[in-house]
C-alpha atoms as a PDB file:
ATOM      1  CA  MET A   1    -209.551-217.338 -73.911  1.00  0.00           C
ATOM      2  CA  LYS A   2    -209.083-221.254 -73.650  1.00  0.00           C
ATOM      3  CA  ASP A   3    -209.638-220.905 -69.890  1.00  0.00           C
ATOM      4  CA  ALA A   4    -212.999-219.447 -70.412  1.00  0.00           C
ATOM      5  CA  ALA A   5    -214.207-222.548 -72.357  1.00  0.00           C
ATOM      6  CA  LYS A   6    -213.578-224.631 -69.250  1.00  0.00           C
ATOM      7  CA  LEU A   7    -215.729-222.547 -66.937  1.00  0.00           C
ATOM      8  CA  LYS A   8    -219.055-223.933 -65.775  1.00  0.00           C
ATOM      9  CA  TYR A   9    -220.727-220.471 -65.898  1.00  0.00           C
ATOM     10  CA  LYS A  10    -219.452-218.876 -69.054  1.00  0.00           C
ATOM     11  CA  ILE A  11    -222.308-216.426 -69.298  1.00  0.00           C
ATOM     12  CA  ASN A  12    -221.418-214.696 -66.129  1.00  0.00           C
ATOM     13  CA  HIS A  13    -217.611-214.564 -66.598  1.00  0.00           C
ATOM     14  CA  ASN A  14    -215.933-211.479 -68.058  1.00  0.00           C
ATOM     15  CA  PRO A  15    -212.388-212.243 -68.821  1.00  0.00           C
ATOM     16  CA  VAL A  16    -209.901-209.512 -68.659  1.00  0.00           C
ATOM     17  CA  SER A  17    -207.465-208.769 -71.336  1.00  0.00           C
ATOM     18  CA  TYR A  18    -204.768-206.104 -71.698  1.00  0.00           C
ATOM     19  CA  ASN A  19    -204.904-203.619 -74.699  1.00  0.00           C
ATOM     20  CA  PHE A  20    -201.338-202.547 -75.564  1.00  0.00           C
ATOM     21  CA  LYS A  21    -202.569-199.670 -77.682  1.00  0.00           C
ATOM     22  CA  THR A  22    -204.609-197.978 -74.965  1.00  0.00           C
ATOM     23  CA  LYS A  23    -202.467-199.417 -72.102  1.00  0.00           C
ATOM     24  CA  ARG A  24    -205.688-200.386 -70.096  1.00  0.00           C
ATOM     25  CA  TYR A  25    -207.332-203.631 -69.040  1.00  0.00           C
ATOM     26  CA  GLU A  26    -210.479-204.330 -70.949  1.00  0.00           C
ATOM     27  CA  SER A  27    -213.497-206.738 -70.433  1.00  0.00           C
ATOM     28  CA  ARG A  28    -216.893-206.965 -72.200  1.00  0.00           C
ATOM     29  CA  GLU A  29    -218.268-204.672 -69.472  1.00  0.00           C
ATOM     30  CA  ALA A  30    -215.772-201.914 -69.000  1.00  0.00           C
ATOM     31  CA  ILE A  31    -212.304-200.502 -69.303  1.00  0.00           C
ATOM     32  CA  TYR A  32    -210.008-200.431 -66.221  1.00  0.00           C
ATOM     33  CA  LEU A  33    -206.766-198.607 -65.402  1.00  0.00           C
ATOM     34  CA  THR A  34    -205.414-201.303 -63.022  1.00  0.00           C
ATOM     35  CA  TYR A  35    -205.423-205.051 -63.068  1.00  0.00           C
ATOM     36  CA  GLU A  36    -206.907-205.093 -59.440  1.00  0.00           C
ATOM     37  CA  GLN A  37    -209.939-203.164 -60.523  1.00  0.00           C
ATOM     38  CA  ALA A  38    -210.528-205.474 -63.456  1.00  0.00           C
ATOM     39  CA  ARG A  39    -210.101-208.668 -61.310  1.00  0.00           C
ATOM     40  CA  ALA A  40    -212.620-207.187 -58.753  1.00  0.00           C
ATOM     41  CA  ASN A  41    -215.320-207.049 -61.402  1.00  0.00           C
ATOM     42  CA  GLN A  42    -214.967-210.406 -63.227  1.00  0.00           C
ATOM     43  CA  TRP A  43    -218.324-212.079 -62.295  1.00  0.00           C
ATOM     44  CA  LYS A  44    -221.728-210.514 -62.931  1.00  0.00           C
ATOM     45  CA  CYS A  45    -225.180-211.343 -61.494  1.00  0.00           C
ATOM     46  CA  GLU A  46    -227.611-211.788 -64.445  1.00  0.00           C
ATOM     47  CA  LYS A  47    -230.638-210.690 -62.273  1.00  0.00           C
ATOM     48  CA  CYS A  48    -229.363-207.431 -60.714  1.00  0.00           C
ATOM     49  CA  GLN A  49    -226.246-206.743 -62.939  1.00  0.00           C
ATOM     50  CA  LYS A  50    -224.022-206.439 -59.845  1.00  0.00           C
ATOM     51  CA  LEU A  51    -220.311-207.122 -60.437  1.00  0.00           C
ATOM     52  CA  LEU A  52    -218.402-209.432 -58.121  1.00  0.00           C
ATOM     53  CA  ALA A  53    -214.785-210.520 -57.688  1.00  0.00           C
ATOM     54  CA  ASN A  54    -215.104-214.364 -57.786  1.00  0.00           C
ATOM     55  CA  LEU A  55    -217.557-217.280 -58.352  1.00  0.00           C
ATOM     56  CA  LYS A  56    -217.841-217.904 -54.621  1.00  0.00           C
ATOM     57  CA  GLU A  57    -219.051-214.422 -54.008  1.00  0.00           C
ATOM     58  CA  LEU A  58    -221.503-214.773 -56.926  1.00  0.00           C
ATOM     59  CA  LYS A  59    -222.913-217.980 -55.539  1.00  0.00           C
ATOM     60  CA  LEU A  60    -223.365-216.397 -52.046  1.00  0.00           C
ATOM     61  CA  HIS A  61    -224.893-213.263 -53.500  1.00  0.00           C
ATOM     62  CA  LYS A  62    -227.465-215.386 -55.505  1.00  0.00           C
ATOM     63  CA  LEU A  63    -228.220-217.392 -52.371  1.00  0.00           C
ATOM     64  CA  GLU A  64    -228.843-214.336 -50.118  1.00  0.00           C
ATOM     65  CA  TYR A  65    -230.605-212.025 -52.455  1.00  0.00           C
ATOM     66  CA  HIS A  66    -232.217-214.173 -55.238  1.00  0.00           C
ATOM     67  CA  SER A  67    -233.429-217.294 -53.529  1.00  0.00           C
ATOM     68  CA  TYR A  68    -236.976-217.744 -52.566  1.00  0.00           C
END
């Protein structure tokens, strides 16, 4: 969690953690079976709630779909 404190856009970031009891990856948004699925849905657009893989894709999405 200390890496999340360094992020510029903390609101949009959904850090992934592994739950040893359920043997699944969890974030604030959902529960995933594999690490790849969890990493693919780390960033979230606050306007349309779309999940994206990285900050670069989030910025590009905002530019394309939410800029006037």
